Amino acid sequence: MIIKWLFALFLLTILVGCSKNNIFPTDTHVYDSPDNYSNAYEEFYFPSSQESLLRGWLFHAKGPSQGIVVVTNGMHYNMSERFKKWTWVLEEGYDLFIYDFRGYGVSFGEVDMLGFVDDVTAAIHYAHDFNTELPMIVVGQSMGGSFVIDAVAKEEYPYVKLLMVDSTMKGFAPAADAMIKKHFLLWPLIWVPDAITPHGMDSIDFVDQTKTPTLFLVGLEDSIIPPEHSVDLYLKAKEPKALWVVEGAEHVNCICRPKVKADLKTLLKDVLNEDYSMVSGFRYYISEKSLR
């Protein structure tokens, strides 16, 4: 309950901060390091807009690389905490490139919402330059999913073969509005999100403008962003598209489920062969508790 309260207030802080083009709270804590593990990696700094300089880690596939996965984080934590959740792609023949937005981790720059979209664009271009022959899969989690949708809708990337959008929001104002409605003490602020959110930032307005096959992942126990946001994005997106709903999964926790991860591994192999049969329709993953 406390976490929900904090997120509601935090999201309002973001909206207020962005409306005034100020810095809002970010996560610069160092949680872990690739040096503590055996995976080969390199560290890079690359430019984005407004003189921002972003840090990224490139992990090398086990064996010859067949593609690259680019991961964009959300507002909670930074890549020093998130990278471990994605190194499994290395075993599937994919390189992994994960980076931090401006103001997160040790990336430089003053943060704002429009700048985050520029950061996604910069990361996609930079990762592509490692090997222009490799197909790319772009992942966006939570807030990062919204900016990934915006970036890919505004520029066409023929080498991006799949978007994976996990636990994201259809708009910042609707997400804040949903959190406020859960806590009656915040009801007097119900007018704030719509009033101060910058226009032109809602992913629901861009999701049907991308031709890239898109997989939406969402957990039914997501207490941060209502699952309905992913459903609405899925319904508006163009084909090919898929929605995987995971019973019992919390926010950005879908890929931790063994069955979901197994299906994602199959999907990664299929994408290399331009087989998008798994990026179609609806899948429902029953929780282990329901099977007992």
Protein backbone atom coordinates (compact mmCIF):
# COMPACT_ATOMS: atom_id res chain seq x y z
CA MET A 1 0.00 0.00 0.00
CA ILE A 2 2.81 2.42 0.86
CA ILE A 3 4.45 1.70 -2.50
CA LYS A 4 1.23 2.54 -4.32
CA TRP A 5 0.96 5.82 -2.45
CA LEU A 6 4.55 6.72 -3.21
CA PHE A 7 4.13 5.88 -6.87
CA ALA A 8 1.03 8.04 -7.15
CA LEU A 9 2.82 10.99 -5.59
CA PHE A 10 5.96 10.28 -7.60
CA LEU A 11 4.04 10.21 -10.88
CA LEU A 12 2.42 13.51 -10.01
CA THR A 13 5.87 14.91 -9.27
CA ILE A 14 7.01 13.76 -12.70
CA LEU A 15 4.06 15.43 -14.37
CA VAL A 16 4.58 18.69 -12.51
CA GLY A 17 8.30 18.61 -13.14
CA CYS A 18 7.90 17.89 -16.83
CA SER A 19 5.30 20.61 -17.24
CA LYS A 20 7.88 23.10 -15.98
CA ASN A 21 10.76 21.37 -17.82
CA ASN A 22 12.50 20.74 -14.50
CA ILE A 23 14.44 17.73 -13.25
CA PHE A 24 12.36 15.08 -11.46
CA PRO A 25 13.64 12.38 -9.09
CA THR A 26 15.69 9.69 -10.82
CA ASP A 27 17.61 6.62 -9.73
CA THR A 28 21.40 6.97 -9.68
CA HIS A 29 22.09 4.19 -7.19
CA VAL A 30 24.53 1.44 -8.24
CA TYR A 31 22.84 -1.90 -7.54
CA ASP A 32 25.18 -4.33 -9.25
CA SER A 33 27.87 -4.58 -11.92
CA PRO A 34 28.50 -6.90 -14.88
CA ASP A 35 32.00 -7.29 -13.45
CA ASN A 36 30.45 -9.59 -10.85
CA TYR A 37 29.46 -12.07 -13.57
CA SER A 38 31.13 -14.03 -16.34
CA ASN A 39 29.36 -12.47 -19.32
CA ALA A 40 31.63 -10.58 -21.72
CA TYR A 41 30.60 -6.96 -22.09
CA GLU A 42 31.77 -3.49 -23.11
CA GLU A 43 30.81 -0.08 -21.76
CA PHE A 44 30.00 2.83 -24.05
CA TYR A 45 28.92 6.44 -23.81
CA PHE A 46 26.90 7.85 -26.67
CA PRO A 47 25.26 11.24 -27.36
CA SER A 48 21.59 12.14 -27.31
CA SER A 49 19.81 15.47 -27.71
CA GLN A 50 20.36 18.56 -25.51
CA GLU A 51 24.02 17.60 -25.01
CA SER A 52 23.04 14.51 -23.02
CA LEU A 53 25.53 11.65 -22.82
CA LEU A 54 24.13 8.20 -22.14
CA ARG A 55 25.88 5.14 -20.75
CA GLY A 56 25.19 1.70 -22.18
CA TRP A 57 26.47 -1.85 -21.76
CA LEU A 58 26.88 -4.22 -24.69
CA PHE A 59 26.85 -7.91 -23.72
CA HIS A 60 28.10 -10.36 -26.32
CA ALA A 61 26.15 -13.43 -27.38
CA LYS A 62 27.40 -16.91 -26.52
CA GLY A 63 28.76 -17.87 -29.92
CA PRO A 64 28.16 -16.03 -33.21
CA SER A 65 25.70 -13.19 -32.82
CA GLN A 66 22.50 -13.52 -34.82
CA GLY A 67 20.75 -10.38 -33.59
CA ILE A 68 20.70 -7.71 -30.91
CA VAL A 69 18.16 -6.96 -28.16
CA VAL A 70 17.96 -3.33 -27.01
CA VAL A 71 16.37 -2.85 -23.57
CA THR A 72 14.83 0.40 -22.34
CA ASN A 73 14.07 0.56 -18.61
CA GLY A 74 11.26 2.24 -16.73
CA MET A 75 11.39 4.95 -14.07
CA HIS A 76 12.15 2.63 -11.16
CA TYR A 77 15.76 1.41 -10.80
CA ASN A 78 18.32 1.68 -13.59
CA MET A 79 20.30 -0.70 -15.78
CA SER A 80 22.63 -1.72 -12.94
CA GLU A 81 19.63 -3.52 -11.42
CA ARG A 82 17.85 -4.59 -14.62
CA PHE A 83 20.61 -6.10 -16.77
CA LYS A 84 20.57 -9.47 -14.97
CA LYS A 85 16.98 -10.06 -16.02
CA TRP A 86 17.94 -10.00 -19.70
CA THR A 87 21.27 -11.79 -19.98
CA TRP A 88 19.41 -15.00 -20.86
CA VAL A 89 19.15 -13.69 -24.45
CA LEU A 90 22.90 -14.25 -24.79
CA GLU A 91 22.29 -18.00 -24.77
CA GLU A 92 19.79 -17.53 -27.61
CA GLY A 93 22.38 -16.03 -29.96
CA TYR A 94 21.54 -12.38 -29.32
CA ASP A 95 23.76 -9.54 -28.19
CA LEU A 96 22.22 -7.40 -25.45
CA PHE A 97 22.44 -3.61 -25.33
CA ILE A 98 20.98 -1.94 -22.24
CA TYR A 99 21.32 1.74 -21.40
CA ASP A 100 20.16 4.42 -19.01
CA PHE A 101 18.08 7.49 -19.78
CA ARG A 102 19.58 10.89 -19.10
CA GLY A 103 19.66 11.45 -15.35
CA TYR A 104 19.53 7.71 -14.57
CA GLY A 105 22.52 5.68 -13.44
CA VAL A 106 25.55 7.69 -14.50
CA SER A 107 24.09 9.00 -17.77
CA PHE A 108 24.45 12.74 -18.12
CA GLY A 109 21.79 15.32 -18.90
CA GLU A 110 18.74 17.06 -17.50
CA VAL A 111 15.74 14.82 -17.86
CA ASP A 112 12.45 15.59 -19.53
CA MET A 113 9.83 13.50 -21.29
CA LEU A 114 10.60 14.67 -24.82
CA GLY A 115 14.26 14.03 -24.16
CA PHE A 116 13.50 10.43 -23.18
CA VAL A 117 12.08 9.77 -26.66
CA ASP A 118 15.29 11.20 -28.12
CA ASP A 119 17.26 8.84 -25.87
CA VAL A 120 15.42 5.81 -27.28
CA THR A 121 16.11 7.00 -30.81
CA ALA A 122 19.80 7.56 -30.03
CA ALA A 123 20.11 4.09 -28.44
CA ILE A 124 18.51 2.34 -31.43
CA HIS A 125 20.84 4.07 -33.88
CA TYR A 126 23.90 3.48 -31.71
CA ALA A 127 23.14 -0.21 -31.19
CA HIS A 128 22.54 -0.69 -34.91
CA ASP A 129 25.99 0.71 -35.69
CA PHE A 130 27.67 -2.13 -33.77
CA ASN A 131 26.77 -4.43 -36.65
CA THR A 132 24.46 -3.11 -39.34
CA GLU A 133 23.78 -6.65 -40.60
CA LEU A 134 22.05 -7.79 -37.41
CA PRO A 135 18.27 -7.74 -36.91
CA MET A 136 17.13 -5.92 -33.77
CA ILE A 137 14.46 -6.44 -31.13
CA VAL A 138 13.58 -3.38 -29.03
CA VAL A 139 12.20 -3.87 -25.51
CA GLY A 140 10.47 -1.18 -23.47
CA GLN A 141 9.41 -1.77 -19.88
CA SER A 142 6.97 0.38 -17.89
CA MET A 143 7.63 4.05 -18.70
CA GLY A 144 10.27 2.93 -21.20
CA GLY A 145 7.60 1.15 -23.22
CA SER A 146 5.76 4.42 -23.82
CA PHE A 147 8.88 6.11 -25.13
CA VAL A 148 9.78 3.12 -27.31
CA ILE A 149 6.35 3.25 -28.95
CA ASP A 150 6.70 7.00 -29.57
CA ALA A 151 10.22 6.68 -30.99
CA VAL A 152 9.46 3.80 -33.36
CA ALA A 153 6.23 5.45 -34.53
CA LYS A 154 8.05 8.65 -35.44
CA GLU A 155 10.89 7.01 -37.37
CA GLU A 156 10.97 3.82 -39.41
CA TYR A 157 13.70 1.29 -38.62
CA PRO A 158 13.72 -1.52 -41.19
CA TYR A 159 16.17 -3.53 -39.09
CA VAL A 160 13.89 -3.49 -36.00
CA LYS A 161 11.99 -6.74 -36.39
CA LEU A 162 9.99 -6.76 -33.14
CA LEU A 163 8.88 -4.51 -30.29
CA MET A 164 8.33 -6.02 -26.85
CA VAL A 165 6.31 -3.66 -24.67
CA ASP A 166 6.06 -4.80 -21.06
CA SER A 167 3.71 -3.33 -18.43
CA THR A 168 3.48 0.08 -20.02
CA MET A 169 0.99 2.92 -19.87
CA LYS A 170 -1.18 4.32 -22.64
CA GLY A 171 -0.58 7.83 -21.29
CA PHE A 172 0.93 9.48 -18.25
CA ALA A 173 -2.21 11.39 -17.29
CA PRO A 174 -4.44 8.26 -17.41
CA ALA A 175 -1.88 6.35 -15.33
CA ALA A 176 -1.72 9.09 -12.70
CA ASP A 177 -5.50 9.44 -12.76
CA ALA A 178 -5.93 5.72 -12.07
CA MET A 179 -3.58 5.88 -9.08
CA ILE A 180 -5.32 8.96 -7.65
CA LYS A 181 -8.72 7.28 -7.83
CA LYS A 182 -7.43 4.43 -5.63
CA HIS A 183 -6.61 6.79 -2.74
CA PHE A 184 -9.42 9.03 -1.57
CA LEU A 185 -7.05 11.51 0.10
CA LEU A 186 -5.70 12.32 -3.36
CA TRP A 187 -9.12 12.87 -4.91
CA PRO A 188 -8.83 16.67 -4.65
CA LEU A 189 -5.93 16.34 -7.12
CA ILE A 190 -8.00 14.48 -9.72
CA TRP A 191 -7.80 17.46 -12.09
CA VAL A 192 -3.99 17.72 -11.99
CA PRO A 193 -2.85 15.02 -14.48
CA ASP A 194 -4.91 16.25 -17.43
CA ALA A 195 -4.06 19.86 -16.67
CA ILE A 196 -0.28 19.59 -16.57
CA THR A 197 0.71 16.63 -18.76
CA PRO A 198 2.56 17.79 -21.91
CA HIS A 199 0.49 17.21 -25.02
CA GLY A 200 1.63 14.74 -27.67
CA MET A 201 3.25 12.25 -25.27
CA ASP A 202 0.59 9.56 -24.92
CA SER A 203 1.61 6.25 -26.50
CA ILE A 204 -2.04 5.46 -27.28
CA ASP A 205 -1.83 8.25 -29.89
CA PHE A 206 1.20 6.67 -31.60
CA VAL A 207 0.81 2.92 -31.25
CA ASP A 208 -1.12 2.56 -34.52
CA GLN A 209 1.53 4.50 -36.44
CA THR A 210 4.22 1.82 -36.33
CA LYS A 211 4.45 -1.03 -38.82
CA THR A 212 6.76 -3.04 -36.55
CA PRO A 213 5.32 -6.30 -35.14
CA THR A 214 4.56 -5.71 -31.46
CA LEU A 215 4.21 -8.00 -28.47
CA PHE A 216 2.47 -6.59 -25.41
CA LEU A 217 3.19 -8.25 -22.04
CA VAL A 218 1.16 -7.52 -18.92
CA GLY A 219 0.68 -9.03 -15.48
CA LEU A 220 -2.80 -9.16 -13.98
CA GLU A 221 -1.43 -8.26 -10.54
CA ASP A 222 0.21 -5.06 -11.77
CA SER A 223 -0.55 -2.54 -9.01
CA ILE A 224 1.47 0.25 -10.64
CA ILE A 225 -0.11 0.55 -14.10
CA PRO A 226 -3.58 -0.96 -14.64
CA PRO A 227 -3.46 -3.93 -17.06
CA GLU A 228 -6.20 -2.24 -19.07
CA HIS A 229 -3.57 0.15 -20.45
CA SER A 230 -1.82 -2.72 -22.25
CA VAL A 231 -5.14 -4.04 -23.52
CA ASP A 232 -6.08 -0.65 -24.98
CA LEU A 233 -2.68 -0.32 -26.65
CA TYR A 234 -2.99 -3.81 -28.10
CA LEU A 235 -6.46 -3.16 -29.46
CA LYS A 236 -5.35 0.00 -31.24
CA ALA A 237 -2.03 -1.33 -32.58
CA LYS A 238 -1.83 -2.59 -36.12
CA GLU A 239 -1.14 -6.19 -37.09
CA PRO A 240 0.99 -8.16 -36.55
CA LYS A 241 0.48 -7.87 -32.81
CA ALA A 242 0.01 -10.07 -29.76
CA LEU A 243 -1.05 -9.69 -26.15
CA TRP A 244 0.33 -12.06 -23.51
CA VAL A 245 -1.47 -11.78 -20.18
CA VAL A 246 0.22 -13.38 -17.18
CA GLU A 247 -1.96 -14.33 -14.23
CA GLY A 248 -0.43 -13.43 -10.87
CA ALA A 249 2.46 -11.43 -12.36
CA GLU A 250 3.27 -8.02 -10.94
CA HIS A 251 4.71 -4.95 -12.65
CA VAL A 252 7.48 -5.82 -15.20
CA ASN A 253 7.59 -9.33 -13.77
CA CYS A 254 6.17 -11.30 -16.70
CA ILE A 255 9.50 -12.46 -18.10
CA CYS A 256 10.37 -14.09 -14.77
CA ARG A 257 7.73 -16.78 -15.37
CA PRO A 258 9.36 -19.94 -16.80
CA LYS A 259 6.64 -20.59 -19.39
CA VAL A 260 6.68 -16.98 -20.60
CA LYS A 261 10.46 -16.99 -20.87
CA ALA A 262 10.37 -20.31 -22.75
CA ASP A 263 7.91 -18.87 -25.25
CA LEU A 264 10.03 -15.74 -25.62
CA LYS A 265 13.05 -17.88 -26.44
CA THR A 266 11.03 -19.58 -29.17
CA LEU A 267 9.87 -16.20 -30.42
CA LEU A 268 13.46 -14.91 -30.64
CA LYS A 269 14.37 -17.87 -32.85
CA ASP A 270 11.27 -17.36 -35.00
CA VAL A 271 12.03 -13.68 -35.56
CA LEU A 272 15.43 -14.59 -37.01
CA ASN A 273 13.53 -16.59 -39.63
CA GLU A 274 10.94 -13.82 -40.09
CA ASP A 275 8.29 -16.12 -38.64
CA TYR A 276 5.75 -13.98 -36.73
CA SER A 277 3.16 -16.66 -36.03
CA MET A 278 3.64 -16.12 -32.28
CA VAL A 279 3.00 -12.37 -32.69
CA SER A 280 -0.68 -12.94 -33.25
CA GLY A 281 -3.71 -12.84 -31.01
CA PHE A 282 -4.03 -13.42 -27.30
CA ARG A 283 -2.28 -15.74 -24.82
CA TYR A 284 -3.19 -16.28 -21.20
CA TYR A 285 -0.66 -17.75 -18.76
CA ILE A 286 -2.21 -19.39 -15.72
CA SER A 287 -0.37 -18.91 -12.43
CA GLU A 288 1.17 -21.82 -10.58
CA LYS A 289 -1.34 -21.29 -7.75
CA SER A 290 -4.24 -21.81 -10.15
CA LEU A 291 -2.75 -25.11 -11.30
CA ARG A 292 -2.61 -26.52 -7.76
